[in-house]
Amino acid sequence: MLIGGQRVPALSGKRFETRNPATGELLATIAQGGAEDVDRAVKAARAAFEGPWRRMKPVERQRIMLRLADLVEAHYEELAMLDTLDLGAPYSRTIMGKARAGALLRYYAGQAMLITGDTIDNNAPGDVLSHTLKEPIGVVAAINPWNGPIGMSVWKAGPVLATGCTLVMKPAEQTPLSALRFGELCLEAGVPEGVINVVTGLGDAGAALSSHPDVDKIAFTGSTGVGEKILHAAAPTMKRVTVELGGKSPNIVFADADLDKAVPAAAMAVFANAGQICSAGTRLFVQSPIHDEFMERLAAFTRTIKVGDPLDPTTQMGPVVSAPQMDKILAFIDGASTEGARPLTGGARMSGAGYDAGYFIEPTIFTHVADDMTIAREEIFGPVLSAFTFDTVQEVLARANATEFGLGSGVWTRDLGTAHRMARGIRAGSVWVNCYQMLDPAVPFGGYKMSGFGRESGPHHIEDYLETKAVWINLD
């Protein structure tokens, strides 16, 4: 673990394994931090926050962040390889995060210089001046998922560093390696000891962070079920909490869409990262006049997706992250057939040379799916797509919104009016029109309903790490 600027073992001496999901081979044994390790990490973060860090001039924090951006980019091949080995995502995919990681850190470095209060012309009697101060909220706990390890580390650390907060980060136990290396790069960039701490461990470490009385804010990305537990744990101490949770995102293709673009995009909206993306477009709605042609082309494209060794530069989809995750996905697939859905392509674990030792699942498309089926309602977090047909804008809006989630959505049409009506009508945090999964450091990302609250990226993100203090000065 990384606590107070030092690499340390767990106080209990316990360790856990992280394995390559493509081969099942042991990658490393990792310190298994528990509540006592969380406590010393929080103390280190509190000491760093109360030291010179929170009072450091914004330009100095900015310089450190820009050095960190340079270091992350310089070492990104290593970071991407760690994620490929730990997660199973193809290296051709993980290496693509280099530009985004650098851009995120540089964006937040810019935001560090833009934190300002307001002078308010108030209506109090006499000669009274009032203004606001923006102050860092304090010690932040970041609890990260396993589906994008280094990207999540950067995304969580950026606003912390920009605002003068400090961080205790708990990476997912399935993918801890790149978070530890990122912590080392923070120290190399000049981030003071104790400002960034990394506690590796299992679920009990995350639970200890959620309830710790000296943590001021929790930033969580993960499943809706775990998010609910974190909210309960945070309630007694009134921590500020932001959560980005699950999704069951609709991807809607109208009859006038450009099918040459929509077909591959609809496939990769689900099968990228083996479906392990919270905003994956797992519910595909295709308008009736083009339904048969679209599905035929989609199935043909899906059969061309190369599934295999994540280190092969031609691989497009790797394994899922673990054996338990594979078993969960396969149970959804079996249940879908039992409920009456029909697999158009895929629907099984992959076997044979290069597959038997790993957790590979065929890219799977189901048709004849009813809106109330389990695979149409629950987040699978795997390479499984449910396809539906629709007729009108009003109909598809109602069906698209008939979910407890509201994270992402896609619309494919050449009609500007349809695009605007859909963008206004869909209840989701992101609406991608004639594209899918586009992200930018300046554009907010987050969910409606059970997909969470709070936004990441953009100026809204910074505000969640700041307190607003009102100051009144009687000049008489």
Protein backbone atom coordinates (compact mmCIF):
# COMPACT_ATOMS: atom_id res chain seq x y z
CA MET A 1 0.00 0.00 0.00
CA LEU A 2 1.02 3.66 -0.21
CA ILE A 3 0.40 5.55 3.03
CA GLY A 4 2.00 8.86 4.00
CA GLY A 5 4.40 8.63 1.07
CA GLN A 6 5.72 5.18 2.06
CA ARG A 7 5.11 1.70 0.64
CA VAL A 8 3.88 -0.35 3.59
CA PRO A 9 2.42 -3.82 4.21
CA ALA A 10 -0.94 -4.38 5.87
CA LEU A 11 -0.72 -4.27 9.66
CA SER A 12 -2.33 -7.71 9.76
CA GLY A 13 0.29 -9.10 7.40
CA LYS A 14 -2.48 -10.45 5.15
CA ARG A 15 -2.17 -10.48 1.36
CA PHE A 16 -4.49 -11.35 -1.52
CA GLU A 17 -3.90 -12.48 -5.10
CA THR A 18 -4.51 -10.69 -8.36
CA ARG A 19 -4.60 -12.91 -11.44
CA ASN A 20 -4.53 -12.48 -15.20
CA PRO A 21 -8.10 -13.12 -16.39
CA ALA A 22 -6.87 -14.20 -19.82
CA THR A 23 -4.72 -17.02 -18.47
CA GLY A 24 -5.58 -17.46 -14.81
CA GLU A 25 -1.92 -16.95 -13.95
CA LEU A 26 -0.88 -15.24 -10.71
CA LEU A 27 0.31 -11.68 -11.29
CA ALA A 28 1.11 -10.59 -7.75
CA THR A 29 0.15 -10.87 -4.11
CA ILE A 30 -1.04 -7.56 -2.70
CA ALA A 31 -1.25 -6.13 0.81
CA GLN A 32 -4.76 -6.75 2.16
CA GLY A 33 -5.53 -3.58 4.04
CA GLY A 34 -8.20 -3.57 6.71
CA ALA A 35 -9.86 -1.06 9.01
CA GLU A 36 -6.64 -0.33 10.91
CA ASP A 37 -4.81 0.43 7.65
CA VAL A 38 -7.66 2.66 6.52
CA ASP A 39 -7.37 4.52 9.80
CA ARG A 40 -3.65 5.23 9.41
CA ALA A 41 -4.19 6.29 5.77
CA VAL A 42 -6.94 8.71 6.83
CA LYS A 43 -4.66 10.08 9.56
CA ALA A 44 -1.88 10.59 7.01
CA ALA A 45 -4.33 12.36 4.68
CA ARG A 46 -5.62 14.57 7.53
CA ALA A 47 -2.08 15.52 8.58
CA ALA A 48 -1.20 16.42 4.99
CA PHE A 49 -4.40 18.44 4.61
CA GLU A 50 -3.78 20.44 7.80
CA GLY A 51 -0.18 21.09 6.73
CA PRO A 52 0.95 23.47 3.99
CA TRP A 53 -0.89 21.65 1.17
CA ARG A 54 -4.32 23.25 1.61
CA ARG A 55 -2.70 26.71 1.77
CA MET A 56 -0.43 26.16 -1.20
CA LYS A 57 -0.93 28.76 -3.93
CA PRO A 58 -3.07 27.51 -6.81
CA VAL A 59 -0.23 28.10 -9.25
CA GLU A 60 1.99 25.73 -7.24
CA ARG A 61 -0.64 22.99 -7.24
CA GLN A 62 -1.04 23.59 -10.95
CA ARG A 63 2.70 23.14 -11.56
CA ILE A 64 2.66 19.83 -9.68
CA MET A 65 -0.34 18.61 -11.64
CA LEU A 66 1.26 19.51 -14.95
CA ARG A 67 4.38 17.58 -13.96
CA LEU A 68 2.14 14.66 -13.02
CA ALA A 69 0.44 14.83 -16.42
CA ASP A 70 3.84 14.65 -18.13
CA LEU A 71 4.88 11.68 -15.98
CA VAL A 72 1.63 9.79 -16.54
CA GLU A 73 2.02 10.22 -20.29
CA ALA A 74 5.69 9.23 -20.18
CA HIS A 75 4.87 6.04 -18.27
CA TYR A 76 1.52 5.28 -19.87
CA GLU A 77 2.71 2.21 -21.77
CA GLU A 78 3.56 0.67 -18.39
CA LEU A 79 0.27 1.76 -16.84
CA ALA A 80 -1.70 0.42 -19.81
CA MET A 81 0.13 -2.90 -19.63
CA LEU A 82 -0.64 -3.23 -15.93
CA ASP A 83 -4.33 -2.69 -16.69
CA THR A 84 -4.26 -5.18 -19.57
CA LEU A 85 -2.69 -7.86 -17.36
CA ASP A 86 -4.94 -7.08 -14.38
CA LEU A 87 -8.26 -6.45 -16.17
CA GLY A 88 -7.91 -8.45 -19.37
CA ALA A 89 -8.78 -5.50 -21.63
CA PRO A 90 -6.86 -5.55 -24.92
CA TYR A 91 -3.67 -3.50 -24.84
CA SER A 92 -4.90 -1.80 -28.02
CA ARG A 93 -7.76 -0.45 -25.87
CA THR A 94 -5.93 0.39 -22.64
CA ILE A 95 -3.19 2.33 -24.45
CA MET A 96 -5.88 4.56 -25.99
CA GLY A 97 -6.39 6.09 -22.54
CA LYS A 98 -3.08 7.95 -22.73
CA ALA A 99 -4.47 11.09 -24.36
CA ARG A 100 -7.47 11.20 -22.02
CA ALA A 101 -5.38 10.76 -18.85
CA GLY A 102 -3.08 13.61 -19.78
CA ALA A 103 -5.98 15.80 -20.84
CA LEU A 104 -7.84 15.20 -17.58
CA LEU A 105 -4.88 16.17 -15.42
CA ARG A 106 -4.21 19.28 -17.50
CA TYR A 107 -7.88 20.27 -17.37
CA TYR A 108 -7.96 20.00 -13.58
CA ALA A 109 -4.66 21.85 -13.38
CA GLY A 110 -6.40 24.69 -15.20
CA GLN A 111 -9.38 24.48 -12.87
CA ALA A 112 -7.06 24.98 -9.90
CA MET A 113 -6.58 28.58 -11.05
CA LEU A 114 -10.32 29.23 -11.50
CA ILE A 115 -11.58 28.61 -7.95
CA THR A 116 -13.13 31.89 -6.84
CA GLY A 117 -15.78 33.20 -4.46
CA ASP A 118 -18.31 36.00 -5.04
CA THR A 119 -18.82 39.51 -3.74
CA ILE A 120 -22.52 39.98 -2.99
CA ASP A 121 -24.47 43.24 -2.96
CA ASN A 122 -26.62 42.38 0.05
CA ASN A 123 -29.68 44.09 1.56
CA ALA A 124 -28.53 44.16 5.17
CA PRO A 125 -28.94 47.47 7.03
CA GLY A 126 -25.87 49.72 7.30
CA ASP A 127 -22.60 49.51 5.43
CA VAL A 128 -22.05 45.75 5.26
CA LEU A 129 -19.83 43.85 2.87
CA SER A 130 -20.49 40.18 2.18
CA HIS A 131 -18.49 37.75 0.12
CA THR A 132 -17.92 34.01 -0.20
CA LEU A 133 -14.81 31.90 0.10
CA LYS A 134 -14.29 28.55 -1.59
CA GLU A 135 -12.36 26.13 0.62
CA PRO A 136 -11.27 22.50 0.10
CA ILE A 137 -13.66 20.07 1.75
CA GLY A 138 -10.88 18.02 3.39
CA VAL A 139 -10.10 14.30 3.29
CA VAL A 140 -11.68 12.48 0.35
CA ALA A 141 -12.20 8.72 0.08
CA ALA A 142 -12.28 7.39 -3.49
CA ILE A 143 -13.61 3.86 -3.94
CA ASN A 144 -12.93 2.74 -7.50
CA PRO A 145 -14.34 0.00 -9.76
CA TRP A 146 -12.28 -2.52 -11.68
CA ASN A 147 -13.39 -1.78 -15.22
CA GLY A 148 -11.03 1.15 -15.96
CA PRO A 149 -8.32 1.19 -13.30
CA ILE A 150 -5.82 3.88 -14.31
CA GLY A 151 -8.52 6.07 -15.84
CA MET A 152 -10.46 5.99 -12.58
CA SER A 153 -7.33 6.81 -10.54
CA VAL A 154 -6.73 9.94 -12.62
CA TRP A 155 -10.42 10.90 -12.65
CA LYS A 156 -10.64 10.71 -8.86
CA ALA A 157 -7.30 12.37 -8.11
CA GLY A 158 -7.70 15.32 -10.47
CA PRO A 159 -10.28 17.37 -8.53
CA VAL A 160 -8.62 16.45 -5.22
CA LEU A 161 -5.31 17.92 -6.31
CA ALA A 162 -6.90 20.95 -7.97
CA THR A 163 -8.86 21.99 -4.86
CA GLY A 164 -6.26 21.29 -2.17
CA CYS A 165 -8.01 18.25 -0.69
CA THR A 166 -6.25 15.02 0.21
CA LEU A 167 -7.13 11.49 -0.88
CA VAL A 168 -7.36 7.94 0.37
CA MET A 169 -8.00 5.79 -2.69
CA LYS A 170 -9.19 2.22 -2.50
CA PRO A 171 -8.81 0.47 -5.89
CA ALA A 172 -10.89 -2.59 -6.69
CA GLU A 173 -9.31 -5.79 -5.43
CA GLN A 174 -9.49 -7.25 -8.95
CA THR A 175 -7.31 -4.48 -10.45
CA PRO A 176 -5.00 -2.84 -7.86
CA LEU A 177 -1.72 -2.63 -9.76
CA SER A 178 -1.92 0.59 -11.78
CA ALA A 179 -3.31 2.58 -8.82
CA LEU A 180 -0.18 1.77 -6.82
CA ARG A 181 2.06 2.86 -9.69
CA PHE A 182 0.02 6.05 -10.11
CA GLY A 183 0.60 6.84 -6.44
CA GLU A 184 4.34 6.54 -6.98
CA LEU A 185 4.17 8.90 -9.95
CA CYS A 186 2.30 11.43 -7.79
CA LEU A 187 5.22 11.46 -5.34
CA GLU A 188 7.70 11.78 -8.21
CA ALA A 189 5.75 14.77 -9.53
CA GLY A 190 6.11 16.54 -6.18
CA VAL A 191 2.74 15.80 -4.58
CA PRO A 192 3.51 16.06 -0.83
CA GLU A 193 3.58 12.86 1.20
CA GLY A 194 0.16 11.94 2.56
CA VAL A 195 -1.81 13.90 -0.04
CA ILE A 196 -2.39 10.77 -2.16
CA ASN A 197 -2.71 7.45 -0.30
CA VAL A 198 -3.59 4.07 -1.81
CA VAL A 199 -5.09 1.34 0.39
CA THR A 200 -5.44 -2.01 -1.34
CA GLY A 201 -7.82 -4.55 0.11
CA LEU A 202 -11.20 -6.24 -0.09
CA GLY A 203 -14.72 -5.00 0.60
CA ASP A 204 -14.13 -4.47 4.30
CA ALA A 205 -11.54 -1.79 3.52
CA GLY A 206 -14.07 0.10 1.42
CA ALA A 207 -16.65 -0.24 4.18
CA ALA A 208 -14.19 1.15 6.73
CA LEU A 209 -13.53 4.15 4.50
CA SER A 210 -17.24 4.78 4.00
CA SER A 211 -17.94 4.97 7.72
CA HIS A 212 -14.69 6.58 8.91
CA PRO A 213 -15.54 9.66 11.01
CA ASP A 214 -12.60 11.71 9.71
CA VAL A 215 -13.42 11.32 6.02
CA ASP A 216 -15.19 14.42 4.69
CA LYS A 217 -16.34 13.17 1.29
CA ILE A 218 -16.76 9.91 -0.57
CA ALA A 219 -16.45 9.61 -4.34
CA PHE A 220 -17.67 6.19 -5.46
CA THR A 221 -17.98 4.56 -8.85
CA GLY A 222 -19.48 1.08 -9.01
CA SER A 223 -22.68 -0.91 -8.68
CA THR A 224 -25.95 0.55 -7.45
CA GLY A 225 -26.15 -2.03 -4.65
CA VAL A 226 -22.77 -1.06 -3.21
CA GLY A 227 -23.64 2.62 -3.68
CA GLU A 228 -26.68 2.18 -1.45
CA LYS A 229 -24.50 0.62 1.26
CA ILE A 230 -22.05 3.52 1.05
CA LEU A 231 -24.86 6.05 1.49
CA HIS A 232 -26.05 4.25 4.62
CA ALA A 233 -22.51 4.08 6.00
CA ALA A 234 -21.89 7.77 5.34
CA ALA A 235 -25.17 8.99 6.84
CA PRO A 236 -24.21 9.05 10.57
CA THR A 237 -21.36 11.50 9.92
CA MET A 238 -23.14 13.47 7.16
CA LYS A 239 -20.29 13.03 4.71
CA ARG A 240 -20.70 14.57 1.32
CA VAL A 241 -21.15 11.74 -1.19
CA THR A 242 -21.11 11.54 -4.97
CA VAL A 243 -21.87 8.25 -6.68
CA GLU A 244 -21.70 7.14 -10.30
CA LEU A 245 -23.52 3.84 -10.45
CA GLY A 246 -24.94 1.28 -12.83
CA GLY A 247 -26.78 1.64 -16.09
CA LYS A 248 -29.05 -0.05 -18.59
CA SER A 249 -28.59 2.45 -21.37
CA PRO A 250 -30.87 2.61 -24.44
CA ASN A 251 -29.28 2.95 -27.88
CA ILE A 252 -31.99 4.00 -30.35
CA VAL A 253 -31.66 3.65 -34.13
CA PHE A 254 -34.19 5.43 -36.35
CA ALA A 255 -35.00 4.36 -39.89
CA ASP A 256 -33.14 7.34 -41.40
CA ALA A 257 -29.87 6.57 -39.58
CA ASP A 258 -26.57 6.06 -41.39
CA LEU A 259 -26.34 2.29 -40.97
CA ASP A 260 -22.70 2.13 -42.01
CA LYS A 261 -21.89 4.10 -38.86
CA ALA A 262 -24.68 2.89 -36.58
CA VAL A 263 -24.07 -0.85 -36.97
CA PRO A 264 -20.44 -1.02 -35.74
CA ALA A 265 -21.13 1.65 -33.13
CA ALA A 266 -24.10 -0.29 -31.73
CA ALA A 267 -21.93 -3.40 -31.44
CA MET A 268 -18.97 -1.71 -29.78
CA ALA A 269 -21.27 0.29 -27.49
CA VAL A 270 -21.67 -3.07 -25.73
CA PHE A 271 -18.74 -5.26 -26.67
CA ALA A 272 -15.95 -2.76 -25.98
CA ASN A 273 -14.23 -3.78 -22.73
CA ALA A 274 -16.26 -7.02 -22.89
CA GLY A 275 -19.37 -5.08 -21.89
CA GLN A 276 -17.82 -3.99 -18.60
CA ILE A 277 -18.80 -0.32 -18.93
CA CYS A 278 -21.52 1.25 -16.79
CA SER A 279 -22.88 3.33 -19.67
CA ALA A 280 -22.79 0.50 -22.25
CA GLY A 281 -25.65 0.63 -24.73
CA THR A 282 -27.10 -2.72 -23.70
CA ARG A 283 -30.69 -2.05 -24.82
CA LEU A 284 -30.80 -1.61 -28.60
CA PHE A 285 -34.05 -0.20 -30.06
CA VAL A 286 -34.30 -0.39 -33.86
CA GLN A 287 -37.18 1.21 -35.78
CA SER A 288 -39.40 -1.30 -37.58
CA PRO A 289 -38.68 -0.42 -41.25
CA ILE A 290 -34.97 -1.20 -40.89
CA HIS A 291 -35.07 -3.75 -38.07
CA ASP A 292 -34.40 -6.91 -40.06
CA GLU A 293 -31.64 -5.41 -42.18
CA PHE A 294 -29.99 -3.78 -39.19
CA MET A 295 -29.98 -6.94 -37.09
CA GLU A 296 -28.60 -9.00 -39.97
CA ARG A 297 -25.76 -6.51 -40.44
CA LEU A 298 -25.19 -6.26 -36.68
CA ALA A 299 -24.89 -10.03 -36.31
CA ALA A 300 -22.47 -10.19 -39.23
CA PHE A 301 -20.30 -7.46 -37.74
CA THR A 302 -20.35 -9.06 -34.30
CA ARG A 303 -19.09 -12.35 -35.71
CA THR A 304 -16.01 -10.51 -37.02
CA ILE A 305 -14.99 -9.20 -33.56
CA LYS A 306 -11.71 -10.83 -32.63
CA VAL A 307 -11.84 -12.19 -29.09
CA GLY A 308 -8.62 -13.43 -27.58
CA ASP A 309 -5.22 -12.64 -26.14
CA PRO A 310 -5.29 -9.07 -24.78
CA LEU A 311 -1.62 -8.67 -25.72
CA ASP A 312 -2.32 -9.39 -29.40
CA PRO A 313 -2.59 -5.97 -31.11
CA THR A 314 -5.40 -7.26 -33.34
CA THR A 315 -7.60 -8.39 -30.43
CA GLN A 316 -10.79 -6.32 -30.07
CA MET A 317 -12.31 -7.98 -27.00
CA GLY A 318 -10.63 -9.77 -24.12
CA PRO A 319 -11.95 -11.82 -21.22
CA VAL A 320 -14.16 -10.57 -18.42
CA VAL A 321 -12.36 -9.68 -15.23
CA SER A 322 -12.82 -12.80 -13.09
CA ALA A 323 -14.38 -16.24 -12.78
CA PRO A 324 -17.22 -14.97 -10.52
CA GLN A 325 -18.04 -12.24 -13.05
CA MET A 326 -18.04 -14.80 -15.87
CA ASP A 327 -20.37 -17.09 -13.93
CA LYS A 328 -22.73 -14.20 -13.22
CA ILE A 329 -22.90 -13.25 -16.92
CA LEU A 330 -23.44 -16.85 -18.04
CA ALA A 331 -26.31 -17.14 -15.54
CA PHE A 332 -27.97 -14.10 -17.16
CA ILE A 333 -27.51 -15.69 -20.59
CA ASP A 334 -29.05 -18.99 -19.45
CA GLY A 335 -31.94 -17.17 -17.79
CA ALA A 336 -32.64 -15.15 -20.94
CA SER A 337 -33.14 -18.29 -23.00
CA THR A 338 -35.36 -19.73 -20.30
CA GLU A 339 -37.54 -16.59 -20.38
CA GLY A 340 -37.95 -16.86 -24.16
CA ALA A 341 -35.29 -14.58 -25.61
CA ARG A 342 -33.42 -15.99 -28.61
CA PRO A 343 -29.65 -15.69 -29.12
CA LEU A 344 -28.96 -14.23 -32.57
CA THR A 345 -25.25 -14.79 -32.10
CA GLY A 346 -23.00 -15.92 -29.25
CA GLY A 347 -24.42 -17.06 -25.95
CA ALA A 348 -21.69 -19.25 -24.48
CA ARG A 349 -18.31 -19.39 -22.81
CA MET A 350 -15.51 -19.67 -25.35
CA SER A 351 -13.44 -22.84 -25.32
CA GLY A 352 -10.44 -24.31 -27.05
CA ALA A 353 -6.81 -23.30 -27.36
CA GLY A 354 -6.20 -19.86 -25.91
CA TYR A 355 -9.58 -19.72 -24.18
CA ASP A 356 -9.91 -22.58 -21.68
CA ALA A 357 -7.72 -21.04 -18.99
CA GLY A 358 -9.34 -17.59 -19.21
CA TYR A 359 -12.76 -16.02 -18.69
CA PHE A 360 -13.86 -15.49 -22.29
CA ILE A 361 -17.53 -15.12 -23.28
CA GLU A 362 -18.80 -14.85 -26.85
CA PRO A 363 -20.21 -11.46 -27.88
CA THR A 364 -23.91 -12.19 -27.48
CA ILE A 365 -27.01 -10.63 -29.06
CA PHE A 366 -30.52 -11.57 -27.94
CA THR A 367 -33.66 -10.90 -29.98
CA HIS A 368 -37.32 -11.48 -29.09
CA VAL A 369 -36.65 -9.73 -25.80
CA ALA A 370 -39.61 -8.37 -23.85
CA ASP A 371 -39.20 -5.17 -21.85
CA ASP A 372 -39.94 -6.98 -18.60
CA MET A 373 -37.39 -9.77 -19.03
CA THR A 374 -34.49 -9.93 -16.59
CA ILE A 375 -31.86 -9.17 -19.25
CA ALA A 376 -33.85 -6.09 -20.27
CA ARG A 377 -34.02 -4.71 -16.73
CA GLU A 378 -30.88 -5.69 -14.82
CA GLU A 379 -27.31 -4.58 -15.42
CA ILE A 380 -25.32 -7.57 -16.68
CA PHE A 381 -21.91 -5.91 -17.02
CA GLY A 382 -20.82 -8.29 -19.74
CA PRO A 383 -20.88 -8.70 -23.54
CA VAL A 384 -24.65 -9.18 -23.81
CA LEU A 385 -26.95 -7.03 -25.97
CA SER A 386 -30.77 -7.07 -25.91
CA ALA A 387 -32.48 -5.95 -29.14
CA PHE A 388 -36.01 -4.55 -29.52
CA THR A 389 -38.11 -3.06 -32.30
CA PHE A 390 -40.18 0.15 -32.11
CA ASP A 391 -42.41 2.31 -34.30
CA THR A 392 -42.74 5.91 -33.00
CA VAL A 393 -40.79 8.55 -31.09
CA GLN A 394 -43.35 8.61 -28.30
CA GLU A 395 -43.27 4.84 -27.93
CA VAL A 396 -39.49 4.50 -27.80
CA LEU A 397 -39.11 7.42 -25.38
CA ALA A 398 -41.50 5.76 -22.95
CA ARG A 399 -39.75 2.41 -23.24
CA ALA A 400 -36.26 3.89 -23.07
CA ASN A 401 -37.15 5.69 -19.85
CA ALA A 402 -38.91 2.68 -18.30
CA THR A 403 -35.86 1.73 -16.25
CA GLU A 404 -34.57 2.54 -12.79
CA PHE A 405 -31.28 3.65 -14.36
CA GLY A 406 -30.37 6.79 -16.28
CA LEU A 407 -26.67 7.00 -17.10
CA GLY A 408 -26.11 6.99 -20.87
CA SER A 409 -28.12 6.81 -24.08
CA GLY A 410 -27.64 6.90 -27.83
CA VAL A 411 -29.72 8.25 -30.70
CA TRP A 412 -29.06 7.59 -34.38
CA THR A 413 -30.93 9.80 -36.85
CA ARG A 414 -30.30 12.32 -39.63
CA ASP A 415 -33.31 14.39 -38.58
CA LEU A 416 -32.37 17.36 -36.39
CA GLY A 417 -35.83 17.67 -34.89
CA THR A 418 -35.89 14.01 -33.87
CA ALA A 419 -32.44 14.36 -32.35
CA HIS A 420 -33.50 17.33 -30.21
CA ARG A 421 -36.79 15.73 -29.15
CA MET A 422 -34.98 12.60 -28.06
CA ALA A 423 -32.22 14.52 -26.28
CA ARG A 424 -34.82 16.46 -24.30
CA GLY A 425 -37.00 13.43 -23.61
CA ILE A 426 -34.48 10.81 -22.50
CA ARG A 427 -33.88 10.84 -18.75
CA ALA A 428 -30.17 10.12 -18.66
CA GLY A 429 -27.02 12.01 -17.80
CA SER A 430 -25.54 11.69 -21.30
CA VAL A 431 -27.22 11.57 -24.70
CA TRP A 432 -24.90 10.71 -27.59
CA VAL A 433 -26.35 11.56 -31.00
CA ASN A 434 -24.80 9.70 -33.96
CA CYS A 435 -21.95 8.58 -31.70
CA TYR A 436 -21.51 6.64 -28.46
CA GLN A 437 -19.31 6.76 -25.33
CA MET A 438 -17.62 10.05 -26.22
CA LEU A 439 -16.00 11.76 -23.20
CA ASP A 440 -14.12 15.00 -22.66
CA PRO A 441 -12.57 16.53 -19.52
CA ALA A 442 -14.73 19.65 -19.87
CA VAL A 443 -18.05 17.80 -20.37
CA PRO A 444 -19.89 16.53 -17.25
CA PHE A 445 -20.62 12.83 -16.88
CA GLY A 446 -23.01 11.25 -14.40
CA GLY A 447 -26.43 9.74 -13.94
CA TYR A 448 -30.11 10.22 -13.23
CA LYS A 449 -32.24 8.07 -10.94
CA MET A 450 -30.51 4.91 -9.65
CA SER A 451 -27.45 5.68 -11.75
CA GLY A 452 -26.34 8.09 -9.05
CA PHE A 453 -25.82 11.79 -8.45
CA GLY A 454 -22.98 14.24 -8.84
CA ARG A 455 -20.98 14.83 -12.00
CA GLU A 456 -17.44 13.99 -13.00
CA SER A 457 -15.48 16.17 -15.44
CA GLY A 458 -16.31 19.79 -16.11
CA PRO A 459 -16.54 22.62 -13.58
CA HIS A 460 -19.40 20.83 -11.79
CA HIS A 461 -16.91 18.20 -10.66
CA ILE A 462 -14.69 20.70 -8.86
CA GLU A 463 -17.61 22.16 -6.90
CA ASP A 464 -18.21 18.82 -5.17
CA TYR A 465 -14.78 19.12 -3.52
CA LEU A 466 -15.30 22.64 -2.17
CA GLU A 467 -17.11 24.22 0.76
CA THR A 468 -18.70 27.66 0.37
CA LYS A 469 -18.20 30.00 3.31
CA ALA A 470 -20.12 33.27 3.69
CA VAL A 471 -18.22 36.21 5.20
CA TRP A 472 -19.98 39.32 6.57
CA ILE A 473 -18.02 42.48 7.42
CA ASN A 474 -19.69 45.44 9.07
CA LEU A 475 -17.82 48.51 7.78
CA ASP A 476 -19.56 51.00 10.12
